[in-house]
Amino acid sequence: MELTNADSIKDELIASDPEFRELAREHGRYEQRLSELSSLTYPSDEEQLEEITLKKKKLAVKDQMHDIMLRHQRAGSVTH
């Protein structure tokens, strides 16, 4: 999947697919919190654990989004 095509599919799915839109929001929330955690000079053990957990969750959400994008792309190529 080309980058510009991927961006186009992502934008289309955010506009039309509620599940994808929610995954994108969730991904953004994880990204925001990870940014906050990474800016801490001396994170606590709990914050370090939270960072590891959020990275895993963020990756899982990204994988789900990618799967939806691939299904969407395949469905589009069948009709064209």
C-alpha atoms as a PDB file:
ATOM      1  CA  MET A   1       0.000   0.000   0.000  1.00  0.00           C
ATOM      2  CA  GLU A   2       1.566   3.294  -1.090  1.00  0.00           C
ATOM      3  CA  LEU A   3       1.820   6.040   1.507  1.00  0.00           C
ATOM      4  CA  THR A   4      -0.391   8.543  -0.339  1.00  0.00           C
ATOM      5  CA  ASN A   5      -2.899   5.804  -1.107  1.00  0.00           C
ATOM      6  CA  ALA A   6      -2.797   4.695   2.527  1.00  0.00           C
ATOM      7  CA  ASP A   7      -3.435   8.262   3.686  1.00  0.00           C
ATOM      8  CA  SER A   8      -6.328   8.522   1.255  1.00  0.00           C
ATOM      9  CA  ILE A   9      -7.854   5.253   2.473  1.00  0.00           C
ATOM     10  CA  LYS A  10      -7.328   6.298   6.092  1.00  0.00           C
ATOM     11  CA  ASP A  11      -9.067   9.648   5.519  1.00  0.00           C
ATOM     12  CA  GLU A  12     -11.948   7.939   3.732  1.00  0.00           C
ATOM     13  CA  LEU A  13     -12.378   5.381   6.516  1.00  0.00           C
ATOM     14  CA  ILE A  14     -12.244   8.019   9.256  1.00  0.00           C
ATOM     15  CA  ALA A  15     -15.077   9.794   7.463  1.00  0.00           C
ATOM     16  CA  SER A  16     -17.180   6.713   6.711  1.00  0.00           C
ATOM     17  CA  ASP A  17     -16.407   3.880   9.148  1.00  0.00           C
ATOM     18  CA  PRO A  18     -17.359   4.361  12.822  1.00  0.00           C
ATOM     19  CA  GLU A  19     -15.191   1.439  13.982  1.00  0.00           C
ATOM     20  CA  PHE A  20     -12.133   2.795  12.171  1.00  0.00           C
ATOM     21  CA  ARG A  21     -12.833   6.313  13.430  1.00  0.00           C
ATOM     22  CA  GLU A  22     -12.949   5.079  17.038  1.00  0.00           C
ATOM     23  CA  LEU A  23      -9.714   3.118  16.563  1.00  0.00           C
ATOM     24  CA  ALA A  24      -8.056   6.254  15.171  1.00  0.00           C
ATOM     25  CA  ARG A  25      -9.236   8.252  18.200  1.00  0.00           C
ATOM     26  CA  GLU A  26      -7.991   5.560  20.564  1.00  0.00           C
ATOM     27  CA  HIS A  27      -4.630   5.512  18.772  1.00  0.00           C
ATOM     28  CA  GLY A  28      -4.418   9.294  19.159  1.00  0.00           C
ATOM     29  CA  ARG A  29      -5.205   9.101  22.881  1.00  0.00           C
ATOM     30  CA  TYR A  30      -2.459   6.527  23.371  1.00  0.00           C
ATOM     31  CA  GLU A  31      -0.045   8.667  21.375  1.00  0.00           C
ATOM     32  CA  GLN A  32      -0.861  11.723  23.505  1.00  0.00           C
ATOM     33  CA  ARG A  33      -0.396   9.879  26.796  1.00  0.00           C
ATOM     34  CA  LEU A  34       2.842   8.275  25.581  1.00  0.00           C
ATOM     35  CA  SER A  35       4.113  11.730  24.691  1.00  0.00           C
ATOM     36  CA  GLU A  36       3.304  12.909  28.220  1.00  0.00           C
ATOM     37  CA  LEU A  37       5.027   9.901  29.774  1.00  0.00           C
ATOM     38  CA  SER A  38       8.133  10.217  27.614  1.00  0.00           C
ATOM     39  CA  SER A  39       8.573  13.816  28.706  1.00  0.00           C
ATOM     40  CA  LEU A  40       8.910  12.796  32.365  1.00  0.00           C
ATOM     41  CA  THR A  41      12.476  13.032  33.640  1.00  0.00           C
ATOM     42  CA  TYR A  42      12.031  10.463  36.413  1.00  0.00           C
ATOM     43  CA  PRO A  43       8.973   8.304  35.697  1.00  0.00           C
ATOM     44  CA  SER A  44       7.745   6.129  38.540  1.00  0.00           C
ATOM     45  CA  ASP A  45       7.577   2.355  38.222  1.00  0.00           C
ATOM     46  CA  GLU A  46       3.839   2.661  37.578  1.00  0.00           C
ATOM     47  CA  GLU A  47       4.412   5.231  34.829  1.00  0.00           C
ATOM     48  CA  GLN A  48       7.060   3.039  33.219  1.00  0.00           C
ATOM     49  CA  LEU A  49       4.661   0.083  33.281  1.00  0.00           C
ATOM     50  CA  GLU A  50       1.888   2.263  31.865  1.00  0.00           C
ATOM     51  CA  GLU A  51       4.194   3.333  29.025  1.00  0.00           C
ATOM     52  CA  ILE A  52       5.003  -0.273  28.121  1.00  0.00           C
ATOM     53  CA  THR A  53       1.324  -1.236  28.271  1.00  0.00           C
ATOM     54  CA  LEU A  54       0.255   1.741  26.157  1.00  0.00           C
ATOM     55  CA  LYS A  55       2.871   0.963  23.516  1.00  0.00           C
ATOM     56  CA  LYS A  56       1.467  -2.551  23.199  1.00  0.00           C
ATOM     57  CA  LYS A  57      -2.123  -1.297  23.055  1.00  0.00           C
ATOM     58  CA  LYS A  58      -1.200   1.365  20.503  1.00  0.00           C
ATOM     59  CA  LEU A  59       0.474  -1.235  18.301  1.00  0.00           C
ATOM     60  CA  ALA A  60      -2.549  -3.543  18.550  1.00  0.00           C
ATOM     61  CA  VAL A  61      -4.865  -0.685  17.520  1.00  0.00           C
ATOM     62  CA  LYS A  62      -2.548   0.208  14.641  1.00  0.00           C
ATOM     63  CA  ASP A  63      -2.647  -3.424  13.468  1.00  0.00           C
ATOM     64  CA  GLN A  64      -6.466  -3.396  13.603  1.00  0.00           C
ATOM     65  CA  MET A  65      -6.555  -0.169  11.598  1.00  0.00           C
ATOM     66  CA  HIS A  66      -4.155  -1.622   9.035  1.00  0.00           C
ATOM     67  CA  ASP A  67      -6.315  -4.753   8.657  1.00  0.00           C
ATOM     68  CA  ILE A  68      -9.404  -2.616   8.031  1.00  0.00           C
ATOM     69  CA  MET A  69      -7.487  -0.519   5.494  1.00  0.00           C
ATOM     70  CA  LEU A  70      -6.347  -3.647   3.632  1.00  0.00           C
ATOM     71  CA  ARG A  71      -9.896  -5.059   3.556  1.00  0.00           C
ATOM     72  CA  HIS A  72     -11.165  -1.722   2.270  1.00  0.00           C
ATOM     73  CA  GLN A  73      -8.466  -1.562  -0.383  1.00  0.00           C
ATOM     74  CA  ARG A  74      -9.172  -5.131  -1.542  1.00  0.00           C
ATOM     75  CA  ALA A  75     -12.903  -4.454  -1.688  1.00  0.00           C
ATOM     76  CA  GLY A  76     -12.236  -1.346  -3.784  1.00  0.00           C
ATOM     77  CA  SER A  77      -9.938  -3.152  -6.190  1.00  0.00           C
ATOM     78  CA  VAL A  78     -12.595  -5.828  -6.797  1.00  0.00           C
ATOM     79  CA  THR A  79     -15.133  -3.234  -7.933  1.00  0.00           C
ATOM     80  CA  HIS A  80     -12.669  -1.375 -10.195  1.00  0.00           C
END
